[in-house]
Amino acid sequence: MMEKFTLDSGDIRILKVLQKDASLSIAEIAKQAGMSQTPCWRRIKKLKEQGILRQITAVVDREAVGLGFVSYAFVKLTVPSRKNMEEFDRLMRIWPEVVTCERITGAVDYLVKVVTEDIKSYDNFLCYKLLNSELVSDVQSRIVVSTVKETVALPLNE
């Protein structure tokens, strides 16, 4: 289990600024977080070292790059053994169409968010990858018709 760190109000202000725009300079982050540059830089360095800041990345508009089709696949494994789960996890990590994969409780074993160009591309993913795996016994798909909210920011409280 990962160690839980306590964040103070300064850490939270920095994280909120970074979640809005991680491309800002240290000077601008410090200004928006209400502190001077050196302490801000030290806090960011510490947040990285502790693993709180795992990575700093760019969010790409999927539709702008031709990936306008989103579907959620509820996946049931043939046999939900540890070995099969580990193998399925490995597949999820290497298939580029999969943007999120979560092991869940209930009637199915996984919830998989899949992003492709169109419904034909999704059908190909479904037929030639997901259902082609002997690990999978059933897939129920839900096609997204409209995204109401999508964020990578966490609701941090001071």
C-alpha atoms as a PDB file:
ATOM      1  CA  MET A   1       0.000   0.000   0.000  1.00  0.00           C
ATOM      2  CA  MET A   2       1.280   3.440  -0.918  1.00  0.00           C
ATOM      3  CA  GLU A   3       2.299   5.757   1.902  1.00  0.00           C
ATOM      4  CA  LYS A   4      -0.157   8.604   2.454  1.00  0.00           C
ATOM      5  CA  PHE A   5       1.374  12.057   2.797  1.00  0.00           C
ATOM      6  CA  THR A   6      -0.183  15.041   4.516  1.00  0.00           C
ATOM      7  CA  LEU A   7      -0.429  18.105   2.309  1.00  0.00           C
ATOM      8  CA  ASP A   8      -0.423  21.574   3.825  1.00  0.00           C
ATOM      9  CA  SER A   9      -2.209  24.574   2.332  1.00  0.00           C
ATOM     10  CA  GLY A  10       0.917  25.647   0.393  1.00  0.00           C
ATOM     11  CA  ASP A  11       1.224  22.223  -1.253  1.00  0.00           C
ATOM     12  CA  ILE A  12      -2.464  22.270  -2.157  1.00  0.00           C
ATOM     13  CA  ARG A  13      -2.214  25.763  -3.700  1.00  0.00           C
ATOM     14  CA  ILE A  14       0.740  24.604  -5.826  1.00  0.00           C
ATOM     15  CA  LEU A  15      -1.074  21.428  -6.935  1.00  0.00           C
ATOM     16  CA  LYS A  16      -4.169  23.428  -7.901  1.00  0.00           C
ATOM     17  CA  VAL A  17      -2.045  25.756 -10.054  1.00  0.00           C
ATOM     18  CA  LEU A  18      -0.229  22.810 -11.683  1.00  0.00           C
ATOM     19  CA  GLN A  19      -3.527  21.021 -12.398  1.00  0.00           C
ATOM     20  CA  LYS A  20      -4.733  24.093 -14.310  1.00  0.00           C
ATOM     21  CA  ASP A  21      -1.514  24.619 -16.274  1.00  0.00           C
ATOM     22  CA  ALA A  22       1.639  22.623 -15.582  1.00  0.00           C
ATOM     23  CA  SER A  23       3.537  24.462 -18.311  1.00  0.00           C
ATOM     24  CA  LEU A  24       3.858  27.608 -16.178  1.00  0.00           C
ATOM     25  CA  SER A  25       7.281  28.743 -15.029  1.00  0.00           C
ATOM     26  CA  ILE A  26       8.260  28.327 -11.378  1.00  0.00           C
ATOM     27  CA  ALA A  27       7.960  32.113 -11.028  1.00  0.00           C
ATOM     28  CA  GLU A  28       4.363  32.076 -12.283  1.00  0.00           C
ATOM     29  CA  ILE A  29       3.422  29.018 -10.199  1.00  0.00           C
ATOM     30  CA  ALA A  30       4.883  30.682  -7.104  1.00  0.00           C
ATOM     31  CA  LYS A  31       3.041  33.938  -7.862  1.00  0.00           C
ATOM     32  CA  GLN A  32      -0.320  32.177  -8.305  1.00  0.00           C
ATOM     33  CA  ALA A  33       0.263  30.028  -5.202  1.00  0.00           C
ATOM     34  CA  GLY A  34       1.156  33.116  -3.155  1.00  0.00           C
ATOM     35  CA  MET A  35       4.762  32.284  -2.281  1.00  0.00           C
ATOM     36  CA  SER A  36       8.301  33.034  -3.376  1.00  0.00           C
ATOM     37  CA  GLN A  37      10.095  31.040  -6.075  1.00  0.00           C
ATOM     38  CA  THR A  38      12.657  29.064  -4.073  1.00  0.00           C
ATOM     39  CA  PRO A  39      10.223  27.598  -1.522  1.00  0.00           C
ATOM     40  CA  CYS A  40       7.811  26.838  -4.380  1.00  0.00           C
ATOM     41  CA  TRP A  41      10.528  25.008  -6.326  1.00  0.00           C
ATOM     42  CA  ARG A  42      11.523  23.031  -3.193  1.00  0.00           C
ATOM     43  CA  ARG A  43       7.895  22.018  -2.566  1.00  0.00           C
ATOM     44  CA  ILE A  44       7.443  20.861  -6.167  1.00  0.00           C
ATOM     45  CA  LYS A  45      10.679  18.867  -5.950  1.00  0.00           C
ATOM     46  CA  LYS A  46       9.482  17.254  -2.689  1.00  0.00           C
ATOM     47  CA  LEU A  47       6.053  16.450  -4.211  1.00  0.00           C
ATOM     48  CA  LYS A  48       7.845  14.678  -7.082  1.00  0.00           C
ATOM     49  CA  GLU A  49      10.195  12.787  -4.749  1.00  0.00           C
ATOM     50  CA  GLN A  50       7.248  11.610  -2.619  1.00  0.00           C
ATOM     51  CA  GLY A  51       5.429  10.366  -5.707  1.00  0.00           C
ATOM     52  CA  ILE A  52       2.523  12.779  -5.237  1.00  0.00           C
ATOM     53  CA  LEU A  53       3.367  14.343  -8.602  1.00  0.00           C
ATOM     54  CA  ARG A  54       3.789  11.228 -10.758  1.00  0.00           C
ATOM     55  CA  GLN A  55       4.194  13.027 -14.058  1.00  0.00           C
ATOM     56  CA  ILE A  56       3.549  16.305 -15.767  1.00  0.00           C
ATOM     57  CA  THR A  57       1.839  15.846 -19.104  1.00  0.00           C
ATOM     58  CA  ALA A  58      -0.157  17.565 -21.829  1.00  0.00           C
ATOM     59  CA  VAL A  59      -3.854  16.868 -22.323  1.00  0.00           C
ATOM     60  CA  VAL A  60      -4.575  16.339 -26.027  1.00  0.00           C
ATOM     61  CA  ASP A  61      -8.006  17.152 -27.441  1.00  0.00           C
ATOM     62  CA  ARG A  62      -8.892  13.699 -28.785  1.00  0.00           C
ATOM     63  CA  GLU A  63     -11.357  14.993 -31.371  1.00  0.00           C
ATOM     64  CA  ALA A  64      -8.749  17.394 -32.758  1.00  0.00           C
ATOM     65  CA  VAL A  65      -6.538  14.401 -33.591  1.00  0.00           C
ATOM     66  CA  GLY A  66      -9.332  12.286 -35.081  1.00  0.00           C
ATOM     67  CA  LEU A  67     -10.219  10.181 -32.050  1.00  0.00           C
ATOM     68  CA  GLY A  68     -13.861  11.139 -31.661  1.00  0.00           C
ATOM     69  CA  PHE A  69     -15.377   7.791 -30.662  1.00  0.00           C
ATOM     70  CA  VAL A  70     -15.525   6.798 -26.983  1.00  0.00           C
ATOM     71  CA  SER A  71     -16.957   3.613 -25.554  1.00  0.00           C
ATOM     72  CA  TYR A  72     -16.955   1.911 -22.203  1.00  0.00           C
ATOM     73  CA  ALA A  73     -16.590  -1.856 -22.249  1.00  0.00           C
ATOM     74  CA  PHE A  74     -17.732  -3.901 -19.270  1.00  0.00           C
ATOM     75  CA  VAL A  75     -15.536  -6.995 -19.473  1.00  0.00           C
ATOM     76  CA  LYS A  76     -16.099 -10.360 -17.816  1.00  0.00           C
ATOM     77  CA  LEU A  77     -13.175 -12.754 -17.704  1.00  0.00           C
ATOM     78  CA  THR A  78     -13.642 -16.423 -18.494  1.00  0.00           C
ATOM     79  CA  VAL A  79     -11.972 -17.322 -15.202  1.00  0.00           C
ATOM     80  CA  PRO A  80     -11.127 -14.381 -12.909  1.00  0.00           C
ATOM     81  CA  SER A  81      -7.984 -15.956 -11.470  1.00  0.00           C
ATOM     82  CA  ARG A  82      -4.919 -13.976 -10.382  1.00  0.00           C
ATOM     83  CA  LYS A  83      -2.969 -15.253 -13.394  1.00  0.00           C
ATOM     84  CA  ASN A  84      -5.736 -14.252 -15.845  1.00  0.00           C
ATOM     85  CA  MET A  85      -6.137 -10.833 -14.215  1.00  0.00           C
ATOM     86  CA  GLU A  86      -2.397 -10.185 -14.478  1.00  0.00           C
ATOM     87  CA  GLU A  87      -2.409 -11.205 -18.156  1.00  0.00           C
ATOM     88  CA  PHE A  88      -5.486  -9.081 -18.891  1.00  0.00           C
ATOM     89  CA  ASP A  89      -3.864  -6.126 -17.085  1.00  0.00           C
ATOM     90  CA  ARG A  90      -0.789  -6.567 -19.312  1.00  0.00           C
ATOM     91  CA  LEU A  91      -2.923  -6.488 -22.470  1.00  0.00           C
ATOM     92  CA  MET A  92      -4.723  -3.349 -21.303  1.00  0.00           C
ATOM     93  CA  ARG A  93      -1.399  -1.574 -20.801  1.00  0.00           C
ATOM     94  CA  ILE A  94      -0.173  -2.299 -24.352  1.00  0.00           C
ATOM     95  CA  TRP A  95      -3.336  -1.641 -26.391  1.00  0.00           C
ATOM     96  CA  PRO A  96      -3.273   2.048 -27.361  1.00  0.00           C
ATOM     97  CA  GLU A  97      -7.062   2.256 -27.754  1.00  0.00           C
ATOM     98  CA  VAL A  98      -7.454   1.659 -24.010  1.00  0.00           C
ATOM     99  CA  VAL A  99      -7.121   4.931 -22.105  1.00  0.00           C
ATOM    100  CA  THR A 100      -8.468   3.712 -18.752  1.00  0.00           C
ATOM    101  CA  CYS A 101      -8.871   0.239 -17.320  1.00  0.00           C
ATOM    102  CA  GLU A 102     -10.216  -0.424 -13.865  1.00  0.00           C
ATOM    103  CA  ARG A 103     -10.850  -3.694 -12.069  1.00  0.00           C
ATOM    104  CA  ILE A 104     -14.276  -3.459 -10.480  1.00  0.00           C
ATOM    105  CA  THR A 105     -16.657  -5.439  -8.295  1.00  0.00           C
ATOM    106  CA  GLY A 106     -19.996  -6.841  -9.338  1.00  0.00           C
ATOM    107  CA  ALA A 107     -21.240  -8.846 -12.308  1.00  0.00           C
ATOM    108  CA  VAL A 108     -18.246  -7.926 -14.492  1.00  0.00           C
ATOM    109  CA  ASP A 109     -14.534  -7.796 -13.757  1.00  0.00           C
ATOM    110  CA  TYR A 110     -13.309  -4.683 -15.596  1.00  0.00           C
ATOM    111  CA  LEU A 111     -14.467  -1.299 -16.834  1.00  0.00           C
ATOM    112  CA  VAL A 112     -12.434  -0.265 -19.876  1.00  0.00           C
ATOM    113  CA  LYS A 113     -12.574   3.157 -21.546  1.00  0.00           C
ATOM    114  CA  VAL A 114     -11.738   2.829 -25.233  1.00  0.00           C
ATOM    115  CA  VAL A 115     -11.042   5.730 -27.609  1.00  0.00           C
ATOM    116  CA  THR A 116     -10.938   5.174 -31.383  1.00  0.00           C
ATOM    117  CA  GLU A 117     -11.521   7.060 -34.639  1.00  0.00           C
ATOM    118  CA  ASP A 118     -15.039   5.759 -35.236  1.00  0.00           C
ATOM    119  CA  ILE A 119     -17.443   2.883 -34.580  1.00  0.00           C
ATOM    120  CA  LYS A 120     -15.763   0.710 -37.247  1.00  0.00           C
ATOM    121  CA  SER A 121     -12.404   1.107 -35.499  1.00  0.00           C
ATOM    122  CA  TYR A 122     -14.058   0.216 -32.200  1.00  0.00           C
ATOM    123  CA  ASP A 123     -15.651  -2.851 -33.794  1.00  0.00           C
ATOM    124  CA  ASN A 124     -12.195  -3.921 -35.041  1.00  0.00           C
ATOM    125  CA  PHE A 125     -10.747  -3.435 -31.548  1.00  0.00           C
ATOM    126  CA  LEU A 126     -13.605  -5.426 -30.066  1.00  0.00           C
ATOM    127  CA  CYS A 127     -13.417  -8.309 -32.561  1.00  0.00           C
ATOM    128  CA  TYR A 128      -9.689  -8.629 -33.157  1.00  0.00           C
ATOM    129  CA  LYS A 129      -8.319  -7.734 -29.743  1.00  0.00           C
ATOM    130  CA  LEU A 130     -10.744  -7.834 -26.841  1.00  0.00           C
ATOM    131  CA  LEU A 131     -13.018 -10.715 -27.892  1.00  0.00           C
ATOM    132  CA  ASN A 132     -10.134 -12.505 -29.589  1.00  0.00           C
ATOM    133  CA  SER A 133      -8.543 -13.005 -26.176  1.00  0.00           C
ATOM    134  CA  GLU A 134      -9.306 -16.358 -24.554  1.00  0.00           C
ATOM    135  CA  LEU A 135      -9.323 -14.508 -21.231  1.00  0.00           C
ATOM    136  CA  VAL A 136     -12.597 -12.729 -22.056  1.00  0.00           C
ATOM    137  CA  SER A 137     -15.990 -14.423 -21.848  1.00  0.00           C
ATOM    138  CA  ASP A 138     -18.287 -11.397 -22.319  1.00  0.00           C
ATOM    139  CA  VAL A 139     -18.186  -7.716 -23.220  1.00  0.00           C
ATOM    140  CA  GLN A 140     -21.004  -5.223 -22.817  1.00  0.00           C
ATOM    141  CA  SER A 141     -20.341  -1.921 -24.585  1.00  0.00           C
ATOM    142  CA  ARG A 142     -21.759   1.500 -23.812  1.00  0.00           C
ATOM    143  CA  ILE A 143     -21.178   4.179 -26.436  1.00  0.00           C
ATOM    144  CA  VAL A 144     -20.666   7.743 -25.243  1.00  0.00           C
ATOM    145  CA  VAL A 145     -23.000  10.180 -27.007  1.00  0.00           C
ATOM    146  CA  SER A 146     -21.894  13.302 -25.117  1.00  0.00           C
ATOM    147  CA  THR A 147     -19.204  14.086 -22.560  1.00  0.00           C
ATOM    148  CA  VAL A 148     -20.581  16.358 -19.854  1.00  0.00           C
ATOM    149  CA  LYS A 149     -17.407  16.652 -17.769  1.00  0.00           C
ATOM    150  CA  GLU A 150     -13.886  15.372 -18.258  1.00  0.00           C
ATOM    151  CA  THR A 151     -11.022  16.386 -16.025  1.00  0.00           C
ATOM    152  CA  VAL A 152      -7.742  15.012 -14.760  1.00  0.00           C
ATOM    153  CA  ALA A 153      -7.711  17.431 -11.836  1.00  0.00           C
ATOM    154  CA  LEU A 154      -8.364  16.145  -8.334  1.00  0.00           C
ATOM    155  CA  PRO A 155     -10.689  18.040  -5.981  1.00  0.00           C
ATOM    156  CA  LEU A 156      -8.059  19.217  -3.507  1.00  0.00           C
ATOM    157  CA  ASN A 157      -9.262  20.922  -0.330  1.00  0.00           C
ATOM    158  CA  GLU A 158      -7.352  23.216   1.954  1.00  0.00           C
END
